[in-house]
Amino acid sequence: MTPAKPACVFCGLVTGEVAANIVHRDEQVIAFLDRAPLLLGHTLVMPIAHVETLDDLSPQQVGTLFDAVRRLSIAVQAACGAAGSFVAVNTRMSQTVPHVHVHVVPRNEGDGLFSPRPIWRRRTYASPAEAAEYAAKIRASYAKGPTASRSG
């Protein structure tokens, strides 16, 4: 008998039913590589608790989530050799998984993310090993903390 799929794929990731390249996890927040990244190193950050949209978060959850987003932005930039990052949240429109999550995408000049016709082309990692390597670099950079990550 095949186990039932979790109602929310991201909740399945939290429980371990769904595999992911996790770069950070604490009691309230989890961060992992996007499976179809806009640019390699694209990380999703979300609350452990199931909350459907940004609009539904409590003020405390917003603070906790965005503190982790800020730290992950710094870590992703350092780990990926990026000049900056793009941080975004979809609320209902374009939100493919109904569990609030924040996109942290490493950015460099000329990376092609934005153009006169903004059509985002998703990428893939060359292999599971390449995804694991990106996850390990971001995890290590996050563990150093925001100040250490900025300086390299």
C-alpha atoms as a PDB file:
ATOM      1  CA  MET A   1       0.000   0.000   0.000  1.00  0.00           C
ATOM      2  CA  THR A   2       1.406   3.395  -1.007  1.00  0.00           C
ATOM      3  CA  PRO A   3       1.537   5.987   1.784  1.00  0.00           C
ATOM      4  CA  ALA A   4      -0.898   8.876   1.342  1.00  0.00           C
ATOM      5  CA  LYS A   5       0.551  12.106   0.004  1.00  0.00           C
ATOM      6  CA  PRO A   6       0.550  14.961   2.507  1.00  0.00           C
ATOM      7  CA  ALA A   7      -2.233  17.494   1.904  1.00  0.00           C
ATOM      8  CA  CYS A   8       0.418  20.236   1.613  1.00  0.00           C
ATOM      9  CA  VAL A   9       3.689  19.319  -0.109  1.00  0.00           C
ATOM     10  CA  PHE A  10       5.577  21.846   2.038  1.00  0.00           C
ATOM     11  CA  CYS A  11       4.119  20.349   5.235  1.00  0.00           C
ATOM     12  CA  GLY A  12       5.325  16.998   3.869  1.00  0.00           C
ATOM     13  CA  LEU A  13       8.775  18.515   3.555  1.00  0.00           C
ATOM     14  CA  VAL A  14       8.603  19.642   7.211  1.00  0.00           C
ATOM     15  CA  THR A  15       7.693  16.118   8.362  1.00  0.00           C
ATOM     16  CA  GLY A  16      10.300  14.468   6.139  1.00  0.00           C
ATOM     17  CA  GLU A  17       7.739  12.788   3.862  1.00  0.00           C
ATOM     18  CA  VAL A  18       9.026  14.916   0.960  1.00  0.00           C
ATOM     19  CA  ALA A  19      12.765  15.098   0.241  1.00  0.00           C
ATOM     20  CA  ALA A  20      14.499  18.482   0.001  1.00  0.00           C
ATOM     21  CA  ASN A  21      17.905  20.129   0.189  1.00  0.00           C
ATOM     22  CA  ILE A  22      17.389  21.835   3.544  1.00  0.00           C
ATOM     23  CA  VAL A  23      19.734  24.750   4.243  1.00  0.00           C
ATOM     24  CA  HIS A  24      18.273  25.861   7.594  1.00  0.00           C
ATOM     25  CA  ARG A  25      15.770  24.579  10.116  1.00  0.00           C
ATOM     26  CA  ASP A  26      14.854  25.690  13.589  1.00  0.00           C
ATOM     27  CA  GLU A  27      11.685  25.347  15.692  1.00  0.00           C
ATOM     28  CA  GLN A  28       9.731  27.917  13.644  1.00  0.00           C
ATOM     29  CA  VAL A  29      11.317  28.263  10.184  1.00  0.00           C
ATOM     30  CA  ILE A  30      12.682  25.988   7.470  1.00  0.00           C
ATOM     31  CA  ALA A  31      14.639  26.951   4.336  1.00  0.00           C
ATOM     32  CA  PHE A  32      15.450  24.740   1.368  1.00  0.00           C
ATOM     33  CA  LEU A  33      16.534  24.930  -2.263  1.00  0.00           C
ATOM     34  CA  ASP A  34      13.794  25.506  -4.829  1.00  0.00           C
ATOM     35  CA  ARG A  35      13.537  22.419  -7.062  1.00  0.00           C
ATOM     36  CA  ALA A  36      13.132  24.607 -10.174  1.00  0.00           C
ATOM     37  CA  PRO A  37      15.350  27.593  -9.365  1.00  0.00           C
ATOM     38  CA  LEU A  38      15.251  30.910 -11.178  1.00  0.00           C
ATOM     39  CA  LEU A  39      19.027  30.978 -10.606  1.00  0.00           C
ATOM     40  CA  LEU A  40      21.123  28.324  -8.877  1.00  0.00           C
ATOM     41  CA  GLY A  41      21.033  28.841  -5.119  1.00  0.00           C
ATOM     42  CA  HIS A  42      17.358  30.003  -5.196  1.00  0.00           C
ATOM     43  CA  THR A  43      16.124  29.242  -1.689  1.00  0.00           C
ATOM     44  CA  LEU A  44      12.616  29.111  -0.211  1.00  0.00           C
ATOM     45  CA  VAL A  45      12.050  30.171   3.401  1.00  0.00           C
ATOM     46  CA  MET A  46       8.802  29.354   5.201  1.00  0.00           C
ATOM     47  CA  PRO A  47       7.261  28.870   8.612  1.00  0.00           C
ATOM     48  CA  ILE A  48       7.134  25.310   9.951  1.00  0.00           C
ATOM     49  CA  ALA A  49       3.479  25.895  10.899  1.00  0.00           C
ATOM     50  CA  HIS A  50       1.057  25.649   8.000  1.00  0.00           C
ATOM     51  CA  VAL A  51      -0.122  29.155   7.121  1.00  0.00           C
ATOM     52  CA  GLU A  52      -1.499  29.654   3.618  1.00  0.00           C
ATOM     53  CA  THR A  53      -0.505  33.231   2.761  1.00  0.00           C
ATOM     54  CA  LEU A  54       1.525  36.195   3.964  1.00  0.00           C
ATOM     55  CA  ASP A  55      -1.792  37.894   4.772  1.00  0.00           C
ATOM     56  CA  ASP A  56      -2.567  35.135   7.281  1.00  0.00           C
ATOM     57  CA  LEU A  57       0.654  35.392   9.330  1.00  0.00           C
ATOM     58  CA  SER A  58       0.535  36.860  12.819  1.00  0.00           C
ATOM     59  CA  PRO A  59       2.854  39.823  13.506  1.00  0.00           C
ATOM     60  CA  GLN A  60       5.119  37.509  15.540  1.00  0.00           C
ATOM     61  CA  GLN A  61       5.306  34.996  12.673  1.00  0.00           C
ATOM     62  CA  VAL A  62       6.151  37.800  10.224  1.00  0.00           C
ATOM     63  CA  GLY A  63       9.050  38.923  12.422  1.00  0.00           C
ATOM     64  CA  THR A  64      10.379  35.407  12.888  1.00  0.00           C
ATOM     65  CA  LEU A  65      10.051  34.526   9.206  1.00  0.00           C
ATOM     66  CA  PHE A  66      11.627  37.715   7.901  1.00  0.00           C
ATOM     67  CA  ASP A  67      14.521  37.589  10.362  1.00  0.00           C
ATOM     68  CA  ALA A  68      15.354  34.204   8.815  1.00  0.00           C
ATOM     69  CA  VAL A  69      14.784  35.627   5.307  1.00  0.00           C
ATOM     70  CA  ARG A  70      17.240  38.468   6.027  1.00  0.00           C
ATOM     71  CA  ARG A  71      19.857  36.026   7.277  1.00  0.00           C
ATOM     72  CA  LEU A  72      19.267  33.654   4.335  1.00  0.00           C
ATOM     73  CA  SER A  73      19.580  36.539   1.877  1.00  0.00           C
ATOM     74  CA  ILE A  74      23.003  37.347   3.300  1.00  0.00           C
ATOM     75  CA  ALA A  75      24.002  33.663   3.360  1.00  0.00           C
ATOM     76  CA  VAL A  76      22.822  32.985  -0.210  1.00  0.00           C
ATOM     77  CA  GLN A  77      24.752  36.005  -1.506  1.00  0.00           C
ATOM     78  CA  ALA A  78      27.939  34.892   0.248  1.00  0.00           C
ATOM     79  CA  ALA A  79      27.601  31.219  -0.683  1.00  0.00           C
ATOM     80  CA  CYS A  80      26.798  31.901  -4.339  1.00  0.00           C
ATOM     81  CA  GLY A  81      29.238  34.764  -4.893  1.00  0.00           C
ATOM     82  CA  ALA A  82      26.283  37.041  -5.665  1.00  0.00           C
ATOM     83  CA  ALA A  83      26.297  40.840  -5.672  1.00  0.00           C
ATOM     84  CA  GLY A  84      22.788  40.940  -4.197  1.00  0.00           C
ATOM     85  CA  SER A  85      19.525  39.076  -3.932  1.00  0.00           C
ATOM     86  CA  PHE A  86      15.911  39.218  -5.059  1.00  0.00           C
ATOM     87  CA  VAL A  87      13.406  38.502  -2.276  1.00  0.00           C
ATOM     88  CA  ALA A  88       9.731  37.926  -3.100  1.00  0.00           C
ATOM     89  CA  VAL A  89       6.490  36.492  -1.750  1.00  0.00           C
ATOM     90  CA  ASN A  90       3.466  35.571  -3.852  1.00  0.00           C
ATOM     91  CA  THR A  91       0.102  35.892  -2.139  1.00  0.00           C
ATOM     92  CA  ARG A  92      -2.474  33.699  -3.866  1.00  0.00           C
ATOM     93  CA  MET A  93      -1.639  34.846  -7.426  1.00  0.00           C
ATOM     94  CA  SER A  94       1.286  32.765  -8.717  1.00  0.00           C
ATOM     95  CA  GLN A  95       1.494  30.979  -5.347  1.00  0.00           C
ATOM     96  CA  THR A  96       1.745  27.391  -6.553  1.00  0.00           C
ATOM     97  CA  VAL A  97       1.856  25.890  -3.043  1.00  0.00           C
ATOM     98  CA  PRO A  98      -0.680  27.227  -0.519  1.00  0.00           C
ATOM     99  CA  HIS A  99       1.862  27.459   2.319  1.00  0.00           C
ATOM    100  CA  VAL A 100       3.441  30.894   2.675  1.00  0.00           C
ATOM    101  CA  HIS A 101       7.032  30.895   1.446  1.00  0.00           C
ATOM    102  CA  VAL A 102       9.583  33.556   0.588  1.00  0.00           C
ATOM    103  CA  HIS A 103      11.872  33.294  -2.438  1.00  0.00           C
ATOM    104  CA  VAL A 104      15.510  34.323  -1.949  1.00  0.00           C
ATOM    105  CA  VAL A 105      17.291  34.408  -5.314  1.00  0.00           C
ATOM    106  CA  PRO A 106      21.009  35.257  -5.708  1.00  0.00           C
ATOM    107  CA  ARG A 107      21.562  38.101  -8.193  1.00  0.00           C
ATOM    108  CA  ASN A 108      24.450  39.380 -10.289  1.00  0.00           C
ATOM    109  CA  GLU A 109      24.563  42.002 -13.024  1.00  0.00           C
ATOM    110  CA  GLY A 110      23.523  40.489 -16.346  1.00  0.00           C
ATOM    111  CA  ASP A 111      22.114  37.277 -14.843  1.00  0.00           C
ATOM    112  CA  GLY A 112      19.070  37.516 -17.102  1.00  0.00           C
ATOM    113  CA  LEU A 113      16.470  37.341 -14.335  1.00  0.00           C
ATOM    114  CA  PHE A 114      14.817  40.572 -15.442  1.00  0.00           C
ATOM    115  CA  SER A 115      14.602  41.754 -19.031  1.00  0.00           C
ATOM    116  CA  PRO A 116      12.365  44.120 -21.027  1.00  0.00           C
ATOM    117  CA  ARG A 117       9.851  41.243 -21.131  1.00  0.00           C
ATOM    118  CA  PRO A 118      10.120  39.705 -17.667  1.00  0.00           C
ATOM    119  CA  ILE A 119       9.655  36.021 -18.362  1.00  0.00           C
ATOM    120  CA  TRP A 120      11.322  33.939 -15.724  1.00  0.00           C
ATOM    121  CA  ARG A 121      12.928  30.814 -17.055  1.00  0.00           C
ATOM    122  CA  ARG A 122      13.307  28.128 -14.436  1.00  0.00           C
ATOM    123  CA  ARG A 123      16.562  26.200 -14.358  1.00  0.00           C
ATOM    124  CA  THR A 124      17.560  22.793 -13.094  1.00  0.00           C
ATOM    125  CA  TYR A 125      20.553  21.607 -11.167  1.00  0.00           C
ATOM    126  CA  ALA A 126      22.849  19.416 -13.283  1.00  0.00           C
ATOM    127  CA  SER A 127      22.533  16.644 -10.714  1.00  0.00           C
ATOM    128  CA  PRO A 128      21.391  15.940  -7.174  1.00  0.00           C
ATOM    129  CA  ALA A 129      25.043  16.318  -6.170  1.00  0.00           C
ATOM    130  CA  GLU A 130      25.162  19.873  -7.550  1.00  0.00           C
ATOM    131  CA  ALA A 131      21.986  20.769  -5.611  1.00  0.00           C
ATOM    132  CA  ALA A 132      23.469  19.235  -2.461  1.00  0.00           C
ATOM    133  CA  GLU A 133      26.661  21.268  -2.988  1.00  0.00           C
ATOM    134  CA  TYR A 134      24.686  24.533  -3.218  1.00  0.00           C
ATOM    135  CA  ALA A 135      22.669  23.569  -0.129  1.00  0.00           C
ATOM    136  CA  ALA A 136      25.859  22.793   1.826  1.00  0.00           C
ATOM    137  CA  LYS A 137      27.448  26.137   0.883  1.00  0.00           C
ATOM    138  CA  ILE A 138      24.352  28.107   1.880  1.00  0.00           C
ATOM    139  CA  ARG A 139      23.971  26.095   5.101  1.00  0.00           C
ATOM    140  CA  ALA A 140      27.613  26.800   6.043  1.00  0.00           C
ATOM    141  CA  SER A 141      27.256  30.496   5.212  1.00  0.00           C
ATOM    142  CA  TYR A 142      24.029  30.754   7.244  1.00  0.00           C
ATOM    143  CA  ALA A 143      25.702  29.062  10.224  1.00  0.00           C
ATOM    144  CA  LYS A 144      28.432  31.734  10.247  1.00  0.00           C
ATOM    145  CA  GLY A 145      25.817  34.411  10.895  1.00  0.00           C
ATOM    146  CA  PRO A 146      24.971  37.622   9.046  1.00  0.00           C
ATOM    147  CA  THR A 147      28.127  39.572   9.855  1.00  0.00           C
ATOM    148  CA  ALA A 148      30.509  36.749   8.968  1.00  0.00           C
ATOM    149  CA  SER A 149      28.588  35.960   5.761  1.00  0.00           C
ATOM    150  CA  ARG A 150      28.857  39.522   4.485  1.00  0.00           C
ATOM    151  CA  SER A 151      32.598  39.627   4.847  1.00  0.00           C
ATOM    152  CA  GLY A 152      33.047  36.289   3.153  1.00  0.00           C
END
